[in-house]
PDB file of N, CA and C in Angstrom:
ATOM      1  N   GLU A   1       0.860  -1.178   0.000  1.00  0.00           N
ATOM      2  CA  GLU A   1       0.000   0.000   0.000  1.00  0.00           C
ATOM      3  C   GLU A   1       0.895   1.226   0.000  1.00  0.00           C
ATOM      4  N   GLY A   2       0.588   2.172  -0.878  1.00  0.00           N
ATOM      5  CA  GLY A   2       1.398   3.369  -0.990  1.00  0.00           C
ATOM      6  C   GLY A   2       1.101   4.373   0.102  1.00  0.00           C
ATOM      7  N   ARG A   3       1.964   5.346   0.166  1.00  0.00           N
ATOM      8  CA  ARG A   3       1.834   6.365   1.213  1.00  0.00           C
ATOM      9  C   ARG A   3       0.500   7.109   1.114  1.00  0.00           C
ATOM     10  N   GLU A   4       0.123   7.504  -0.103  1.00  0.00           N
ATOM     11  CA  GLU A   4      -1.128   8.252  -0.275  1.00  0.00           C
ATOM     12  C   GLU A   4      -2.333   7.405   0.124  1.00  0.00           C
ATOM     13  N   GLU A   5      -2.317   6.120  -0.242  1.00  0.00           N
ATOM     14  CA  GLU A   5      -3.420   5.228   0.134  1.00  0.00           C
ATOM     15  C   GLU A   5      -3.509   5.092   1.647  1.00  0.00           C
ATOM     16  N   GLY A   6      -2.366   4.964   2.293  1.00  0.00           N
ATOM     17  CA  GLY A   6      -2.339   4.856   3.750  1.00  0.00           C
ATOM     18  C   GLY A   6      -2.881   6.104   4.423  1.00  0.00           C
ATOM     19  N   GLU A   7      -2.521   7.262   3.873  1.00  0.00           N
ATOM     20  CA  GLU A   7      -3.029   8.518   4.422  1.00  0.00           C
ATOM     21  C   GLU A   7      -4.538   8.614   4.232  1.00  0.00           C
ATOM     22  N   ASP A   8      -5.028   8.172   3.075  1.00  0.00           N
ATOM     23  CA  ASP A   8      -6.476   8.186   2.819  1.00  0.00           C
ATOM     24  C   ASP A   8      -7.208   7.288   3.810  1.00  0.00           C
ATOM     25  N   LYS A   9      -6.663   6.086   4.049  1.00  0.00           N
ATOM     26  CA  LYS A   9      -7.289   5.157   5.002  1.00  0.00           C
ATOM     27  C   LYS A   9      -7.348   5.761   6.393  1.00  0.00           C
ATOM     28  N   LEU A  10      -6.235   6.332   6.818  1.00  0.00           N
ATOM     29  CA  LEU A  10      -6.186   6.919   8.156  1.00  0.00           C
ATOM     30  C   LEU A  10      -7.142   8.106   8.255  1.00  0.00           C
ATOM     31  N   GLY A  11      -7.212   8.906   7.206  1.00  0.00           N
ATOM     32  CA  GLY A  11      -8.136  10.039   7.198  1.00  0.00           C
ATOM     33  C   GLY A  11      -9.582   9.593   7.325  1.00  0.00           C
ATOM     34  N   ARG A  12      -9.955   8.539   6.599  1.00  0.00           N
ATOM     35  CA  ARG A  12     -11.320   8.010   6.699  1.00  0.00           C
ATOM     36  C   ARG A  12     -11.591   7.492   8.099  1.00  0.00           C
ATOM     37  N   LEU A  13     -10.606   6.787   8.661  1.00  0.00           N
ATOM     38  CA  LEU A  13     -10.770   6.243  10.004  1.00  0.00           C
ATOM     39  C   LEU A  13     -10.959   7.360  11.024  1.00  0.00           C
ATOM     40  N   VAL A  14     -10.114   8.369  10.970  1.00  0.00           N
ATOM     41  CA  VAL A  14     -10.204   9.480  11.920  1.00  0.00           C
ATOM     42  C   VAL A  14     -11.560  10.173  11.807  1.00  0.00           C
ATOM     43  N   ALA A  15     -12.017  10.411  10.582  1.00  0.00           N
ATOM     44  CA  ALA A  15     -13.318  11.064  10.385  1.00  0.00           C
ATOM     45  C   ALA A  15     -14.445  10.231  10.991  1.00  0.00           C
ATOM     46  N   LEU A  16     -14.405   8.922  10.790  1.00  0.00           N
ATOM     47  CA  LEU A  16     -15.443   8.044  11.340  1.00  0.00           C
ATOM     48  C   LEU A  16     -15.388   8.001  12.862  1.00  0.00           C
ATOM     49  N   LEU A  17     -14.192   7.950  13.408  1.00  0.00           N
ATOM     50  CA  LEU A  17     -14.058   7.924  14.863  1.00  0.00           C
ATOM     51  C   LEU A  17     -14.608   9.207  15.483  1.00  0.00           C
ATOM     52  N   ILE A  18     -14.269  10.344  14.906  1.00  0.00           N
ATOM     53  CA  ILE A  18     -14.761  11.620  15.428  1.00  0.00           C
ATOM     54  C   ILE A  18     -16.279  11.690  15.301  1.00  0.00           C
ATOM     55  N   ALA A  19     -16.806  11.271  14.157  1.00  0.00           N
ATOM     56  CA  ALA A  19     -18.255  11.306  13.934  1.00  0.00           C
ATOM     57  C   ALA A  19     -19.000  10.440  14.942  1.00  0.00           C
ATOM     58  N   ASN A  20     -18.320   9.396  15.429  1.00  0.00           N
ATOM     59  CA  ASN A  20     -18.933   8.486  16.395  1.00  0.00           C
ATOM     60  C   ASN A  20     -18.551   8.817  17.835  1.00  0.00           C
ATOM     61  N   GLY A  21     -17.928   9.977  18.040  1.00  0.00           N
ATOM     62  CA  GLY A  21     -17.580  10.414  19.388  1.00  0.00           C
ATOM     63  C   GLY A  21     -16.471   9.603  20.037  1.00  0.00           C
ATOM     64  N   ARG A  22     -15.649   8.972  19.231  1.00  0.00           N
ATOM     65  CA  ARG A  22     -14.592   8.101  19.763  1.00  0.00           C
ATOM     66  C   ARG A  22     -13.224   8.767  19.636  1.00  0.00           C
ATOM     67  N   THR A  23     -13.124   9.954  20.194  1.00  0.00           N
ATOM     68  CA  THR A  23     -11.891  10.721  20.057  1.00  0.00           C
ATOM     69  C   THR A  23     -10.699  10.041  20.732  1.00  0.00           C
ATOM     70  N   GLY A  24     -10.944   9.288  21.784  1.00  0.00           N
ATOM     71  CA  GLY A  24      -9.855   8.560  22.431  1.00  0.00           C
ATOM     72  C   GLY A  24      -9.229   7.532  21.510  1.00  0.00           C
ATOM     73  N   ASP A  25     -10.048   6.958  20.643  1.00  0.00           N
ATOM     74  CA  ASP A  25      -9.531   5.971  19.698  1.00  0.00           C
ATOM     75  C   ASP A  25      -8.696   6.613  18.597  1.00  0.00           C
ATOM     76  N   VAL A  26      -8.889   7.908  18.354  1.00  0.00           N
ATOM     77  CA  VAL A  26      -8.074   8.601  17.351  1.00  0.00           C
ATOM     78  C   VAL A  26      -6.612   8.563  17.781  1.00  0.00           C
ATOM     79  N   GLN A  27      -6.366   8.877  19.039  1.00  0.00           N
ATOM     80  CA  GLN A  27      -4.988   8.867  19.542  1.00  0.00           C
ATOM     81  C   GLN A  27      -4.423   7.448  19.530  1.00  0.00           C
ATOM     82  N   ARG A  28      -5.244   6.486  19.911  1.00  0.00           N
ATOM     83  CA  ARG A  28      -4.820   5.086  19.909  1.00  0.00           C
ATOM     84  C   ARG A  28      -4.445   4.641  18.497  1.00  0.00           C
ATOM     85  N   ALA A  29      -5.257   5.020  17.511  1.00  0.00           N
ATOM     86  CA  ALA A  29      -5.002   4.645  16.120  1.00  0.00           C
ATOM     87  C   ALA A  29      -3.700   5.261  15.617  1.00  0.00           C
ATOM     88  N   ALA A  30      -3.437   6.490  16.037  1.00  0.00           N
ATOM     89  CA  ALA A  30      -2.227   7.171  15.592  1.00  0.00           C
ATOM     90  C   ALA A  30      -0.972   6.557  16.202  1.00  0.00           C
ATOM     91  N   ALA A  31      -1.087   6.055  17.419  1.00  0.00           N
ATOM     92  CA  ALA A  31       0.092   5.601  18.152  1.00  0.00           C
ATOM     93  C   ALA A  31       0.381   4.111  18.021  1.00  0.00           C
ATOM     94  N   ASP A  32      -0.632   3.309  17.712  1.00  0.00           N
ATOM     95  CA  ASP A  32      -0.468   1.855  17.788  1.00  0.00           C
ATOM     96  C   ASP A  32      -0.989   1.173  16.524  1.00  0.00           C
ATOM     97  N   LYS A  33      -0.070   0.545  15.791  1.00  0.00           N
ATOM     98  CA  LYS A  33      -0.423  -0.094  14.516  1.00  0.00           C
ATOM     99  C   LYS A  33      -1.441  -1.217  14.691  1.00  0.00           C
ATOM    100  N   VAL A  34      -1.315  -2.015  15.732  1.00  0.00           N
ATOM    101  CA  VAL A  34      -2.242  -3.125  15.961  1.00  0.00           C
ATOM    102  C   VAL A  34      -3.648  -2.586  16.210  1.00  0.00           C
ATOM    103  N   SER A  35      -3.751  -1.565  17.052  1.00  0.00           N
ATOM    104  CA  SER A  35      -5.056  -0.943  17.321  1.00  0.00           C
ATOM    105  C   SER A  35      -5.629  -0.333  16.054  1.00  0.00           C
ATOM    106  N   ARG A  36      -4.780   0.330  15.286  1.00  0.00           N
ATOM    107  CA  ARG A  36      -5.226   0.963  14.041  1.00  0.00           C
ATOM    108  C   ARG A  36      -5.794  -0.079  13.084  1.00  0.00           C
ATOM    109  N   ASN A  37      -5.097  -1.187  12.923  1.00  0.00           N
ATOM    110  CA  ASN A  37      -5.578  -2.243  12.026  1.00  0.00           C
ATOM    111  C   ASN A  37      -6.890  -2.841  12.526  1.00  0.00           C
ATOM    112  N   SER A  38      -7.027  -2.974  13.825  1.00  0.00           N
ATOM    113  CA  SER A  38      -8.275  -3.468  14.404  1.00  0.00           C
ATOM    114  C   SER A  38      -9.427  -2.507  14.111  1.00  0.00           C
ATOM    115  N   LEU A  39      -9.162  -1.223  14.216  1.00  0.00           N
ATOM    116  CA  LEU A  39     -10.186  -0.217  13.928  1.00  0.00           C
ATOM    117  C   LEU A  39     -10.527  -0.194  12.442  1.00  0.00           C
ATOM    118  N   TYR A  40      -9.528  -0.390  11.572  1.00  0.00           N
ATOM    119  CA  TYR A  40      -9.812  -0.492  10.133  1.00  0.00           C
ATOM    120  C   TYR A  40     -10.804  -1.624   9.882  1.00  0.00           C
ATOM    121  N   GLU A  41     -10.576  -2.754  10.523  1.00  0.00           N
ATOM    122  CA  GLU A  41     -11.480  -3.901  10.362  1.00  0.00           C
ATOM    123  C   GLU A  41     -12.870  -3.574  10.901  1.00  0.00           C
ATOM    124  N   GLU A  42     -12.926  -2.967  12.077  1.00  0.00           N
ATOM    125  CA  GLU A  42     -14.213  -2.637  12.693  1.00  0.00           C
ATOM    126  C   GLU A  42     -15.059  -1.740  11.793  1.00  0.00           C
ATOM    127  N   PHE A  43     -14.406  -0.792  11.122  1.00  0.00           N
ATOM    128  CA  PHE A  43     -15.127   0.161  10.277  1.00  0.00           C
ATOM    129  C   PHE A  43     -15.113  -0.241   8.796  1.00  0.00           C
ATOM    130  N   ASN A  44     -14.671  -1.463   8.520  1.00  0.00           N
ATOM    131  CA  ASN A  44     -14.642  -1.993   7.149  1.00  0.00           C
ATOM    132  C   ASN A  44     -13.874  -1.089   6.188  1.00  0.00           C
ATOM    133  N   ILE A  45     -12.741  -0.610   6.646  1.00  0.00           N
ATOM    134  CA  ILE A  45     -11.861   0.196   5.798  1.00  0.00           C
ATOM    135  C   ILE A  45     -10.773  -0.743   5.291  1.00  0.00           C
ATOM    136  N   VAL A  46     -10.763  -0.942   3.989  1.00  0.00           N
ATOM    137  CA  VAL A  46      -9.838  -1.920   3.406  1.00  0.00           C
ATOM    138  C   VAL A  46      -8.723  -1.215   2.670  1.00  0.00           C
TER     139      VAL A  46
END
């Protein structure tokens, strides 16, 4: 996955987390790859 694709995925994830009031998970996603991948799966971001 290229850099731009990765940035797009993270941007979508952050927007969804904020929209769902899960601001604490935004920091977790930014800091921890395992948590981030789990959140991608939860929100069906491929």
